Amino acid sequence: GKVMVKFDKLSAKVVAPSSYIQSGQKYEADIFIAASSSDFKKENMEIVVNPTSFDSVKGTITGGTPVELSPDGMGKYSVGTQGQGEQKYTAVIKFKQPTGEYKFYTYETSYMVAAPSVAVSADQMNVFYVGVPNPVSVSAAGVSPTDLIVSPSGGGCRSTPKGAGVYEFNFSSPGECVVNVSSKSPSGPAKSQGSKKFRVKPLPPPVTTVGGFSGSIDMKKSQLSTIGGVGAMAPGFDFKANFVVQGFEITGSVKGQTKIATCQGNSLSADAKAILMGAGPGSKIFIDQVKVKGPDGKMCPNVPGVTIKVKA
């Protein structure tokens, strides 16, 4: 009886591997009566998390983080979280027995840290575009982003991971894309987390721009000298799309005669600059026959030009 610990405190306990269960999974828990002792107090017990070492003969613990004990001998461990994924830690409990000797109890456990996330879906705008990088963020409730398996199919999709839960999709053809998401399992096959269907559309057609403006432009005679070339863009398109002008023509009236100049690339040729400098107030300058290569490397057909009305 000299080494016997008197357990004089009883309480109901429920211990579950996880308190977050997905639909279709079983909820499992151990329900039992836990026995405690009045001897479990600060002068008889010590709890240390992540100790470097401990010596059961000398009764010493080296390193680690001490855990505060409540009056009833319950250790309350609290630590800030950083990063994401599974976080493991070990701990040792040192207890002074009635004989005066110390006994050590060790354990190892883990918990999962996930970044806060929100999913927003606009069903009429589930669209990807051909020829440009499509940024995609994927998350599943209760699953670490590092454990997700993202598998898009359709539209010739090529998926490139860019970080935890972040991807870049590139498509070679329009149509439909289905993004299947599953999660890794430490034992057994991957678990499906669901799928999402998207439309894959070609890029909107570009228009020609001069100084960032398109269509019909009013410009003063003095502003014509600031024009160095022409560009192309898709109006209202929020993706970064690199449209490259391959060539164009400029038509204008110089001293009553109609002049036409052909330009290679997106810059003005010497003849084109001469047309701009010779245009008088009230005349019009037409930029057309614009050849534009899209981000997908294909030539864009029928690109609208620009008309410049010269003002005094």
Protein backbone atom coordinates (compact mmCIF):
# COMPACT_ATOMS: atom_id res chain seq x y z
CA GLY A 1 0.00 0.00 0.00
CA LYS A 2 2.98 2.35 0.27
CA VAL A 3 3.00 3.13 -3.48
CA MET A 4 -0.76 3.23 -3.95
CA VAL A 5 -2.26 6.50 -5.26
CA LYS A 6 -5.73 7.22 -3.94
CA PHE A 7 -8.03 8.21 -6.81
CA ASP A 8 -10.72 10.22 -5.08
CA LYS A 9 -11.99 12.36 -7.97
CA LEU A 10 -14.18 11.07 -10.80
CA SER A 11 -15.40 12.89 -13.93
CA ALA A 12 -16.97 12.00 -17.27
CA LYS A 13 -14.73 12.40 -20.32
CA VAL A 14 -15.27 12.16 -24.07
CA VAL A 15 -12.18 11.82 -26.26
CA ALA A 16 -12.64 11.89 -30.04
CA PRO A 17 -9.91 11.76 -32.71
CA SER A 18 -11.66 14.66 -34.45
CA SER A 19 -14.55 16.94 -33.64
CA TYR A 20 -14.94 17.85 -37.34
CA ILE A 21 -16.53 15.09 -39.41
CA GLN A 22 -17.43 15.25 -43.08
CA SER A 23 -20.70 13.87 -44.42
CA GLY A 24 -20.40 10.15 -45.02
CA GLN A 25 -17.72 9.62 -42.38
CA LYS A 26 -18.26 7.94 -39.01
CA TYR A 27 -18.02 9.85 -35.76
CA GLU A 28 -16.04 7.89 -33.20
CA ALA A 29 -15.31 8.73 -29.57
CA ASP A 30 -14.20 7.10 -26.33
CA ILE A 31 -16.63 7.83 -23.46
CA PHE A 32 -15.44 6.94 -19.98
CA ILE A 33 -15.09 7.94 -16.35
CA ALA A 34 -11.71 9.48 -15.60
CA ALA A 35 -10.27 9.04 -12.14
CA SER A 36 -8.06 11.71 -10.64
CA SER A 37 -6.35 12.23 -7.33
CA SER A 38 -5.94 15.01 -4.80
CA ASP A 39 -2.20 14.26 -5.02
CA PHE A 40 -2.14 15.63 -8.57
CA LYS A 41 -1.03 19.12 -7.54
CA LYS A 42 1.83 21.46 -8.35
CA GLU A 43 4.20 20.21 -5.64
CA ASN A 44 3.85 16.61 -6.85
CA MET A 45 3.46 16.95 -10.61
CA GLU A 46 5.05 18.69 -13.58
CA ILE A 47 4.13 18.72 -17.28
CA VAL A 48 6.59 19.82 -19.99
CA VAL A 49 5.87 20.02 -23.74
CA ASN A 50 8.61 19.17 -26.27
CA PRO A 51 11.34 18.47 -23.71
CA THR A 52 14.89 17.97 -24.92
CA SER A 53 15.40 15.04 -22.54
CA PHE A 54 14.44 13.72 -19.12
CA ASP A 55 16.13 11.51 -16.54
CA SER A 56 13.83 9.20 -14.58
CA VAL A 57 16.65 8.30 -12.19
CA LYS A 58 17.59 11.87 -11.29
CA GLY A 59 13.99 13.07 -11.68
CA THR A 60 14.95 15.93 -14.01
CA ILE A 61 13.53 17.35 -17.26
CA THR A 62 15.71 19.36 -19.63
CA GLY A 63 14.35 22.01 -22.05
CA GLY A 64 10.81 22.25 -23.33
CA THR A 65 7.86 24.42 -22.30
CA PRO A 66 6.33 23.99 -18.83
CA VAL A 67 2.54 23.67 -18.73
CA GLU A 68 0.55 25.53 -16.08
CA LEU A 69 -1.39 23.25 -13.74
CA SER A 70 -4.86 24.04 -12.43
CA PRO A 71 -5.67 23.44 -8.72
CA ASP A 72 -7.20 20.07 -9.63
CA GLY A 73 -4.00 18.95 -11.38
CA MET A 74 -5.18 19.51 -14.96
CA GLY A 75 -2.55 20.83 -17.36
CA LYS A 76 -3.78 23.56 -19.70
CA TYR A 77 -1.57 23.79 -22.82
CA SER A 78 -1.95 26.83 -25.07
CA VAL A 79 0.28 27.86 -27.98
CA GLY A 80 -0.04 30.19 -30.96
CA THR A 81 -0.25 28.60 -34.40
CA GLN A 82 1.83 29.45 -37.45
CA GLY A 83 1.93 27.84 -40.87
CA GLN A 84 -0.48 25.17 -42.04
CA GLY A 85 -0.81 21.40 -41.93
CA GLU A 86 -0.24 18.83 -39.22
CA GLN A 87 1.53 20.08 -36.08
CA LYS A 88 3.04 17.41 -33.82
CA TYR A 89 4.30 17.74 -30.26
CA THR A 90 5.45 15.51 -27.43
CA ALA A 91 5.07 15.94 -23.70
CA VAL A 92 6.20 14.30 -20.48
CA ILE A 93 4.35 14.17 -17.14
CA LYS A 94 6.50 13.90 -14.03
CA PHE A 95 4.67 12.61 -10.95
CA LYS A 96 5.99 12.19 -7.43
CA GLN A 97 4.79 8.90 -5.97
CA PRO A 98 3.98 8.36 -2.28
CA THR A 99 7.42 6.72 -1.91
CA GLY A 100 9.07 9.99 -2.90
CA GLU A 101 10.29 8.58 -6.20
CA TYR A 102 9.38 10.19 -9.52
CA LYS A 103 7.69 8.40 -12.38
CA PHE A 104 7.54 9.77 -15.94
CA TYR A 105 4.67 9.37 -18.43
CA THR A 106 5.25 10.37 -22.06
CA TYR A 107 2.89 10.86 -24.97
CA GLU A 108 2.84 12.24 -28.53
CA THR A 109 -0.09 13.87 -30.29
CA SER A 110 -0.86 16.22 -33.19
CA TYR A 111 -3.37 18.76 -34.44
CA MET A 112 -4.18 20.27 -37.81
CA VAL A 113 -3.80 23.96 -38.66
CA ALA A 114 -5.65 25.32 -41.69
CA ALA A 115 -5.75 28.87 -43.00
CA PRO A 116 -9.11 30.66 -42.76
CA SER A 117 -10.82 30.55 -46.14
CA VAL A 118 -14.03 31.54 -47.85
CA ALA A 119 -15.54 30.12 -51.04
CA VAL A 120 -17.53 32.48 -53.30
CA SER A 121 -19.29 31.08 -56.36
CA ALA A 122 -21.18 32.99 -59.04
CA ASP A 123 -22.82 30.23 -61.08
CA GLN A 124 -23.24 32.36 -64.22
CA MET A 125 -19.58 33.39 -64.26
CA ASN A 126 -17.80 30.04 -63.95
CA VAL A 127 -15.56 30.76 -66.92
CA PHE A 128 -11.97 30.01 -67.89
CA TYR A 129 -10.25 31.53 -70.94
CA VAL A 130 -8.03 30.01 -73.59
CA GLY A 131 -4.58 31.49 -74.06
CA VAL A 132 -4.11 33.21 -70.70
CA PRO A 133 -3.11 31.96 -67.23
CA ASN A 134 -6.26 31.36 -65.16
CA PRO A 135 -5.56 31.73 -61.41
CA VAL A 136 -7.46 29.16 -59.33
CA SER A 137 -7.77 28.76 -55.55
CA VAL A 138 -9.04 25.44 -54.19
CA SER A 139 -10.02 24.63 -50.60
CA ALA A 140 -12.00 21.91 -48.85
CA ALA A 141 -13.42 22.22 -45.35
CA GLY A 142 -11.41 20.31 -42.78
CA VAL A 143 -8.62 19.42 -45.23
CA SER A 144 -5.17 20.98 -45.29
CA PRO A 145 -4.38 22.59 -48.69
CA THR A 146 -1.21 20.49 -48.84
CA ASP A 147 -3.35 17.31 -48.82
CA LEU A 148 -5.56 18.30 -51.77
CA ILE A 149 -5.38 16.58 -55.15
CA VAL A 150 -6.74 18.82 -57.95
CA SER A 151 -7.44 17.17 -61.31
CA PRO A 152 -8.92 19.36 -64.09
CA SER A 153 -10.03 17.76 -67.36
CA GLY A 154 -11.25 19.24 -70.65
CA GLY A 155 -10.14 22.13 -72.86
CA GLY A 156 -6.62 20.72 -73.02
CA CYS A 157 -6.04 22.03 -69.50
CA ARG A 158 -2.54 22.14 -68.07
CA SER A 159 -2.46 22.68 -64.30
CA THR A 160 0.55 24.20 -62.51
CA PRO A 161 0.73 24.38 -58.68
CA LYS A 162 1.63 27.85 -57.41
CA GLY A 163 1.41 27.28 -53.65
CA ALA A 164 -0.77 25.63 -51.03
CA GLY A 165 -4.25 25.47 -52.59
CA VAL A 166 -3.27 27.83 -55.43
CA TYR A 167 -3.02 26.76 -59.07
CA GLU A 168 -2.70 28.16 -62.57
CA PHE A 169 -4.77 26.63 -65.37
CA ASN A 170 -3.86 27.07 -69.04
CA PHE A 171 -6.19 25.92 -71.82
CA SER A 172 -5.54 25.16 -75.48
CA SER A 173 -9.14 24.96 -76.71
CA PRO A 174 -12.63 26.15 -75.72
CA GLY A 175 -15.29 23.81 -74.38
CA GLU A 176 -15.91 22.55 -70.87
CA CYS A 177 -13.64 21.81 -67.92
CA VAL A 178 -14.46 19.70 -64.87
CA VAL A 179 -12.25 20.24 -61.82
CA ASN A 180 -12.22 17.16 -59.58
CA VAL A 181 -10.91 17.60 -56.03
CA SER A 182 -9.90 14.81 -53.67
CA SER A 183 -7.80 14.57 -50.52
CA LYS A 184 -4.91 12.33 -49.58
CA SER A 185 -5.55 9.61 -47.03
CA PRO A 186 -2.87 8.18 -44.73
CA SER A 187 -4.48 4.77 -45.18
CA GLY A 188 -6.50 3.70 -48.18
CA PRO A 189 -7.52 5.49 -51.39
CA ALA A 190 -7.94 9.26 -51.76
CA LYS A 191 -11.32 10.64 -50.70
CA SER A 192 -13.38 12.64 -53.19
CA GLN A 193 -14.18 16.18 -52.05
CA GLY A 194 -16.42 17.02 -55.01
CA SER A 195 -16.14 18.58 -58.45
CA LYS A 196 -16.96 21.83 -60.24
CA LYS A 197 -17.83 22.44 -63.88
CA PHE A 198 -16.58 25.50 -65.84
CA ARG A 199 -17.00 26.87 -69.32
CA VAL A 200 -13.82 27.43 -71.31
CA LYS A 201 -14.19 30.34 -73.72
CA PRO A 202 -11.93 31.95 -76.31
CA LEU A 203 -10.53 35.36 -75.51
CA PRO A 204 -12.74 38.34 -76.36
CA PRO A 205 -11.69 40.02 -79.62
CA PRO A 206 -9.19 42.89 -79.28
CA VAL A 207 -9.51 46.44 -80.61
CA THR A 208 -6.80 48.81 -81.76
CA THR A 209 -5.73 51.54 -79.35
CA VAL A 210 -3.80 54.79 -79.66
CA GLY A 211 -2.65 56.26 -76.38
CA GLY A 212 -4.98 53.85 -74.58
CA PHE A 213 -8.06 55.05 -76.54
CA SER A 214 -10.01 53.13 -79.19
CA GLY A 215 -12.67 53.83 -81.80
CA SER A 216 -13.02 57.46 -82.94
CA ILE A 217 -10.60 59.86 -81.22
CA ASP A 218 -10.40 63.67 -81.24
CA MET A 219 -6.81 64.91 -81.07
CA LYS A 220 -5.22 68.33 -81.41
CA LYS A 221 -2.67 68.89 -84.13
CA SER A 222 0.01 69.35 -81.44
CA GLN A 223 -0.79 65.91 -79.94
CA LEU A 224 -0.08 63.98 -83.13
CA SER A 225 3.67 64.22 -82.52
CA THR A 226 3.27 62.25 -79.27
CA ILE A 227 2.02 59.14 -81.09
CA GLY A 228 4.79 56.57 -81.29
CA GLY A 229 2.79 53.50 -82.23
CA VAL A 230 -0.43 51.58 -81.73
CA GLY A 231 -1.53 48.87 -79.31
CA ALA A 232 -4.31 46.35 -78.91
CA MET A 233 -6.45 45.27 -75.99
CA ALA A 234 -9.69 43.46 -75.11
CA PRO A 235 -12.05 46.06 -73.57
CA GLY A 236 -13.36 45.16 -70.12
CA PHE A 237 -11.22 42.01 -69.92
CA ASP A 238 -9.72 41.72 -66.42
CA PHE A 239 -7.16 39.02 -67.18
CA LYS A 240 -3.63 39.94 -68.15
CA ALA A 241 -3.71 39.28 -71.90
CA ASN A 242 -0.72 40.16 -74.07
CA PHE A 243 -2.02 41.18 -77.53
CA VAL A 244 0.88 42.06 -79.84
CA VAL A 245 0.45 44.29 -82.90
CA GLN A 246 2.30 42.79 -85.87
CA GLY A 247 1.59 45.54 -88.40
CA PHE A 248 -0.92 48.17 -89.59
CA GLU A 249 -1.60 50.89 -92.17
CA ILE A 250 -2.10 54.64 -91.75
CA THR A 251 -4.12 56.65 -94.27
CA GLY A 252 -4.36 60.44 -94.23
CA SER A 253 -4.54 63.56 -96.38
CA VAL A 254 -1.36 65.62 -96.77
CA LYS A 255 -1.71 68.87 -98.78
CA GLY A 256 -4.83 67.56 -100.48
CA GLN A 257 -3.32 64.22 -101.45
CA THR A 258 -4.21 60.88 -99.88
CA LYS A 259 -1.17 59.11 -98.46
CA ILE A 260 -0.92 55.51 -97.22
CA ALA A 261 1.92 54.17 -95.10
CA THR A 262 2.53 50.57 -94.05
CA CYS A 263 4.07 49.89 -90.65
CA GLN A 264 5.73 46.73 -89.36
CA GLY A 265 5.30 45.82 -85.72
CA ASN A 266 3.56 48.33 -83.45
CA SER A 267 5.75 51.38 -84.21
CA LEU A 268 5.23 54.16 -86.74
CA SER A 269 7.33 54.10 -89.87
CA ALA A 270 8.94 57.28 -91.21
CA ASP A 271 6.20 57.58 -93.86
CA ALA A 272 3.51 57.17 -91.18
CA LYS A 273 5.05 59.94 -89.08
CA ALA A 274 5.10 62.19 -92.15
CA ILE A 275 1.34 61.64 -92.61
CA LEU A 276 0.69 62.63 -88.99
CA MET A 277 2.86 65.74 -89.26
CA GLY A 278 1.25 66.78 -92.55
CA ALA A 279 -2.36 66.34 -91.42
CA GLY A 280 -4.19 69.63 -90.99
CA PRO A 281 -7.04 70.61 -88.65
CA GLY A 282 -10.37 69.15 -89.77
CA SER A 283 -8.81 66.17 -91.51
CA LYS A 284 -9.05 62.50 -90.49
CA ILE A 285 -6.38 59.86 -90.08
CA PHE A 286 -7.34 56.20 -90.41
CA ILE A 287 -5.41 53.37 -88.76
CA ASP A 288 -6.61 50.03 -90.14
CA GLN A 289 -5.50 46.70 -91.59
CA VAL A 290 -4.25 45.99 -88.07
CA LYS A 291 -2.64 42.59 -87.59
CA VAL A 292 -2.68 41.36 -83.99
CA LYS A 293 -1.32 38.16 -82.45
CA GLY A 294 -3.20 36.95 -79.36
CA PRO A 295 -1.74 35.51 -76.16
CA ASP A 296 -2.33 32.02 -77.57
CA GLY A 297 -0.03 32.78 -80.52
CA LYS A 298 -2.85 32.90 -83.06
CA MET A 299 -3.65 35.86 -85.30
CA CYS A 300 -6.85 37.73 -84.40
CA PRO A 301 -9.20 38.31 -87.37
CA ASN A 302 -10.92 41.59 -88.27
CA VAL A 303 -9.41 43.81 -85.58
CA PRO A 304 -11.23 47.19 -85.58
CA GLY A 305 -9.05 50.18 -86.38
CA VAL A 306 -8.91 53.74 -85.06
CA THR A 307 -10.07 57.02 -86.61
CA ILE A 308 -8.34 60.22 -85.48
CA LYS A 309 -10.13 63.52 -86.03
CA VAL A 310 -7.56 66.30 -86.12
CA LYS A 311 -8.52 69.49 -84.25
CA ALA A 312 -6.84 72.85 -84.26
